[in-house]
Amino acid sequence: MDGTLISTFTDPKLQCPWGVHVTQAGQVFVCGHTSHTVIQVDHEGKKKLAEIDGVKYPISVWVNTNIEQIIVGTDEIVVLELQ
């Protein structure tokens, strides 16, 4: 709460990060708006765990672990199954 930087994550596949969701379990999902990707980063923010390519201009992401789905906002709503 004091503004201390904990970690910084960079990846060439993550262009124009936009929209972040953290699940109750600590999973972190980030939209790459101009890279057309949604990536999962480890809870420490140090490495990429998974990547979804081909989501056109994602701006928001929400993960429902109860039903194993990722909902991504673009110019439409896209629902994807977690695997």
N, C-alpha and C. Protein backbone atom coordinates (compact mmCIF):
# COMPACT_ATOMS: atom_id res chain seq x y z
N MET A 1 0.80 -1.20 0.00
CA MET A 1 0.00 0.00 0.00
C MET A 1 0.85 1.27 0.00
N ASP A 2 2.17 1.11 0.12
CA ASP A 2 3.02 2.30 0.15
C ASP A 2 3.62 2.62 -1.22
N GLY A 3 3.25 1.85 -2.25
CA GLY A 3 3.73 2.13 -3.60
C GLY A 3 5.07 1.51 -3.94
N THR A 4 5.56 0.59 -3.12
CA THR A 4 6.82 -0.09 -3.39
C THR A 4 6.69 -1.00 -4.61
N LEU A 5 7.59 -0.86 -5.58
CA LEU A 5 7.60 -1.70 -6.76
C LEU A 5 8.01 -3.11 -6.37
N ILE A 6 7.19 -4.09 -6.72
CA ILE A 6 7.47 -5.48 -6.37
C ILE A 6 8.14 -6.21 -7.53
N SER A 7 7.61 -6.03 -8.74
CA SER A 7 8.21 -6.67 -9.90
C SER A 7 7.80 -5.95 -11.17
N THR A 8 8.57 -6.19 -12.22
CA THR A 8 8.27 -5.67 -13.54
C THR A 8 8.41 -6.81 -14.52
N PHE A 9 7.42 -6.98 -15.38
CA PHE A 9 7.44 -8.05 -16.37
C PHE A 9 7.48 -7.45 -17.77
N THR A 10 8.38 -7.93 -18.61
CA THR A 10 8.42 -7.53 -20.01
C THR A 10 8.54 -8.78 -20.88
N ASP A 11 7.94 -8.70 -22.05
CA ASP A 11 8.00 -9.79 -23.00
C ASP A 11 7.74 -9.18 -24.37
N PRO A 12 8.54 -9.50 -25.38
CA PRO A 12 8.33 -8.91 -26.70
C PRO A 12 6.96 -9.23 -27.29
N LYS A 13 6.34 -10.33 -26.86
CA LYS A 13 5.01 -10.70 -27.35
C LYS A 13 3.90 -9.90 -26.67
N LEU A 14 4.21 -9.15 -25.64
CA LEU A 14 3.21 -8.35 -24.94
C LEU A 14 3.37 -6.89 -25.35
N GLN A 15 2.59 -6.49 -26.34
CA GLN A 15 2.67 -5.12 -26.84
C GLN A 15 1.41 -4.36 -26.41
N CYS A 16 1.62 -3.19 -25.83
CA CYS A 16 0.55 -2.32 -25.34
C CYS A 16 -0.31 -3.06 -24.31
N PRO A 17 0.28 -3.42 -23.16
CA PRO A 17 -0.49 -4.12 -22.13
C PRO A 17 -1.71 -3.30 -21.72
N TRP A 18 -2.84 -3.98 -21.62
CA TRP A 18 -4.10 -3.29 -21.39
C TRP A 18 -5.06 -4.29 -20.76
N GLY A 19 -5.53 -4.03 -19.61
CA GLY A 19 -6.47 -4.93 -18.96
C GLY A 19 -5.75 -6.06 -18.24
N VAL A 20 -5.93 -6.10 -16.94
CA VAL A 20 -5.29 -7.11 -16.10
C VAL A 20 -6.35 -7.73 -15.20
N HIS A 21 -6.26 -9.04 -15.01
CA HIS A 21 -7.15 -9.72 -14.06
C HIS A 21 -6.30 -10.64 -13.20
N VAL A 22 -6.53 -10.61 -11.90
CA VAL A 22 -5.86 -11.51 -10.96
C VAL A 22 -6.94 -12.36 -10.31
N THR A 23 -6.83 -13.68 -10.44
CA THR A 23 -7.81 -14.58 -9.84
C THR A 23 -7.59 -14.67 -8.33
N GLN A 24 -8.55 -15.28 -7.65
CA GLN A 24 -8.41 -15.47 -6.21
C GLN A 24 -7.21 -16.35 -5.87
N ALA A 25 -6.82 -17.21 -6.81
CA ALA A 25 -5.67 -18.08 -6.59
C ALA A 25 -4.35 -17.38 -6.91
N GLY A 26 -4.41 -16.13 -7.38
CA GLY A 26 -3.20 -15.38 -7.67
C GLY A 26 -2.71 -15.48 -9.11
N GLN A 27 -3.49 -16.11 -9.99
CA GLN A 27 -3.13 -16.17 -11.40
C GLN A 27 -3.30 -14.77 -12.00
N VAL A 28 -2.33 -14.33 -12.80
CA VAL A 28 -2.35 -12.99 -13.39
C VAL A 28 -2.49 -13.12 -14.91
N PHE A 29 -3.51 -12.45 -15.48
CA PHE A 29 -3.76 -12.44 -16.91
C PHE A 29 -3.68 -11.01 -17.41
N VAL A 30 -3.01 -10.81 -18.56
CA VAL A 30 -2.81 -9.48 -19.12
C VAL A 30 -3.13 -9.51 -20.62
N CYS A 31 -3.85 -8.48 -21.08
CA CYS A 31 -4.12 -8.33 -22.51
C CYS A 31 -2.97 -7.62 -23.19
N GLY A 32 -2.55 -8.11 -24.33
CA GLY A 32 -1.60 -7.41 -25.19
C GLY A 32 -2.39 -6.81 -26.34
N HIS A 33 -2.81 -5.55 -26.20
CA HIS A 33 -3.74 -4.93 -27.14
C HIS A 33 -3.26 -4.99 -28.58
N THR A 34 -2.06 -4.48 -28.86
CA THR A 34 -1.60 -4.46 -30.25
C THR A 34 -0.88 -5.75 -30.67
N SER A 35 -0.56 -6.62 -29.73
CA SER A 35 0.04 -7.91 -30.09
C SER A 35 -1.02 -9.00 -30.24
N HIS A 36 -2.30 -8.66 -29.96
CA HIS A 36 -3.43 -9.59 -30.14
C HIS A 36 -3.23 -10.86 -29.32
N THR A 37 -2.80 -10.67 -28.08
CA THR A 37 -2.54 -11.81 -27.19
C THR A 37 -3.15 -11.57 -25.82
N VAL A 38 -3.39 -12.66 -25.11
CA VAL A 38 -3.66 -12.64 -23.68
C VAL A 38 -2.65 -13.58 -23.07
N ILE A 39 -1.91 -13.11 -22.09
CA ILE A 39 -0.89 -13.98 -21.49
C ILE A 39 -1.18 -14.18 -20.00
N GLN A 40 -0.70 -15.30 -19.50
CA GLN A 40 -0.74 -15.57 -18.06
C GLN A 40 0.68 -15.45 -17.54
N VAL A 41 0.82 -14.69 -16.47
CA VAL A 41 2.12 -14.46 -15.84
C VAL A 41 2.08 -15.13 -14.46
N ASP A 42 3.20 -15.64 -14.00
CA ASP A 42 3.23 -16.23 -12.67
C ASP A 42 2.90 -15.17 -11.61
N HIS A 43 2.49 -15.62 -10.44
CA HIS A 43 2.02 -14.70 -9.40
C HIS A 43 3.12 -13.77 -8.89
N GLU A 44 4.35 -14.09 -9.17
CA GLU A 44 5.46 -13.19 -8.79
C GLU A 44 5.75 -12.16 -9.88
N GLY A 45 5.11 -12.31 -11.05
CA GLY A 45 5.31 -11.38 -12.15
C GLY A 45 6.67 -11.50 -12.82
N LYS A 46 7.23 -12.71 -12.82
CA LYS A 46 8.58 -12.88 -13.36
C LYS A 46 8.65 -13.66 -14.66
N LYS A 47 7.65 -14.53 -14.94
CA LYS A 47 7.73 -15.30 -16.17
C LYS A 47 6.34 -15.59 -16.74
N LYS A 48 6.32 -15.78 -18.05
CA LYS A 48 5.09 -16.10 -18.76
C LYS A 48 4.79 -17.58 -18.61
N LEU A 49 3.55 -17.90 -18.27
CA LEU A 49 3.14 -19.29 -18.11
C LEU A 49 2.36 -19.81 -19.31
N ALA A 50 1.56 -18.94 -19.92
CA ALA A 50 0.72 -19.36 -21.05
C ALA A 50 0.41 -18.15 -21.92
N GLU A 51 -0.01 -18.43 -23.15
CA GLU A 51 -0.31 -17.36 -24.08
C GLU A 51 -1.44 -17.78 -25.01
N ILE A 52 -2.38 -16.87 -25.25
CA ILE A 52 -3.43 -17.08 -26.24
C ILE A 52 -3.19 -16.06 -27.34
N ASP A 53 -2.95 -16.53 -28.56
CA ASP A 53 -2.71 -15.65 -29.70
C ASP A 53 -4.00 -15.50 -30.51
N GLY A 54 -4.06 -14.41 -31.29
CA GLY A 54 -5.14 -14.25 -32.24
C GLY A 54 -6.40 -13.61 -31.71
N VAL A 55 -6.35 -13.01 -30.53
CA VAL A 55 -7.51 -12.29 -29.99
C VAL A 55 -7.37 -10.84 -30.44
N LYS A 56 -8.23 -10.41 -31.35
CA LYS A 56 -8.06 -9.12 -32.00
C LYS A 56 -8.29 -7.95 -31.03
N TYR A 57 -7.23 -7.20 -30.76
CA TYR A 57 -7.24 -5.99 -29.92
C TYR A 57 -7.93 -6.18 -28.56
N PRO A 58 -7.46 -7.12 -27.74
CA PRO A 58 -8.09 -7.31 -26.43
C PRO A 58 -7.86 -6.10 -25.52
N ILE A 59 -8.90 -5.72 -24.77
CA ILE A 59 -8.76 -4.59 -23.84
C ILE A 59 -9.15 -4.95 -22.41
N SER A 60 -9.86 -6.07 -22.25
CA SER A 60 -10.19 -6.50 -20.89
C SER A 60 -10.22 -8.02 -20.84
N VAL A 61 -9.93 -8.55 -19.66
CA VAL A 61 -9.92 -10.00 -19.49
C VAL A 61 -10.46 -10.32 -18.11
N TRP A 62 -11.24 -11.40 -18.03
CA TRP A 62 -11.76 -11.88 -16.76
C TRP A 62 -11.75 -13.40 -16.83
N VAL A 63 -11.32 -14.03 -15.75
CA VAL A 63 -11.19 -15.48 -15.71
C VAL A 63 -12.14 -16.03 -14.67
N ASN A 64 -12.96 -17.00 -15.08
CA ASN A 64 -13.85 -17.70 -14.17
C ASN A 64 -13.31 -19.11 -13.99
N THR A 65 -12.59 -19.34 -12.90
CA THR A 65 -11.98 -20.65 -12.69
C THR A 65 -13.01 -21.70 -12.29
N ASN A 66 -14.19 -21.28 -11.84
CA ASN A 66 -15.24 -22.25 -11.48
C ASN A 66 -15.74 -23.02 -12.70
N ILE A 67 -15.83 -22.34 -13.83
CA ILE A 67 -16.31 -23.01 -15.04
C ILE A 67 -15.23 -23.08 -16.12
N GLU A 68 -13.98 -22.73 -15.74
CA GLU A 68 -12.82 -22.87 -16.62
C GLU A 68 -12.97 -22.09 -17.94
N GLN A 69 -13.31 -20.80 -17.81
CA GLN A 69 -13.44 -19.96 -18.99
C GLN A 69 -12.71 -18.63 -18.81
N ILE A 70 -12.23 -18.09 -19.93
CA ILE A 70 -11.66 -16.75 -19.97
C ILE A 70 -12.59 -15.91 -20.84
N ILE A 71 -12.98 -14.76 -20.34
CA ILE A 71 -13.83 -13.85 -21.09
C ILE A 71 -12.98 -12.64 -21.44
N VAL A 72 -12.89 -12.34 -22.74
CA VAL A 72 -12.04 -11.26 -23.23
C VAL A 72 -12.92 -10.23 -23.94
N GLY A 73 -12.72 -8.96 -23.58
CA GLY A 73 -13.42 -7.89 -24.26
C GLY A 73 -12.56 -7.34 -25.38
N THR A 74 -13.13 -7.29 -26.57
CA THR A 74 -12.49 -6.68 -27.74
C THR A 74 -13.54 -5.72 -28.29
N ASP A 75 -13.79 -5.72 -29.57
CA ASP A 75 -14.95 -5.00 -30.08
C ASP A 75 -16.20 -5.87 -29.96
N GLU A 76 -16.00 -7.05 -29.38
CA GLU A 76 -17.06 -7.98 -29.03
C GLU A 76 -16.63 -8.74 -27.79
N ILE A 77 -17.46 -9.61 -27.26
CA ILE A 77 -17.09 -10.43 -26.10
C ILE A 77 -16.73 -11.82 -26.61
N VAL A 78 -15.53 -12.27 -26.24
CA VAL A 78 -15.03 -13.58 -26.66
C VAL A 78 -14.91 -14.46 -25.43
N VAL A 79 -15.49 -15.66 -25.49
CA VAL A 79 -15.42 -16.60 -24.38
C VAL A 79 -14.58 -17.79 -24.83
N LEU A 80 -13.53 -18.09 -24.05
CA LEU A 80 -12.60 -19.17 -24.38
C LEU A 80 -12.56 -20.17 -23.23
N GLU A 81 -12.37 -21.43 -23.57
CA GLU A 81 -12.23 -22.49 -22.57
C GLU A 81 -10.79 -22.54 -22.07
N LEU A 82 -10.61 -22.65 -20.75
CA LEU A 82 -9.28 -22.88 -20.19
C LEU A 82 -8.92 -24.35 -20.39
N GLN A 83 -7.65 -24.61 -20.63
CA GLN A 83 -7.21 -26.00 -20.79
C GLN A 83 -6.07 -26.28 -19.87
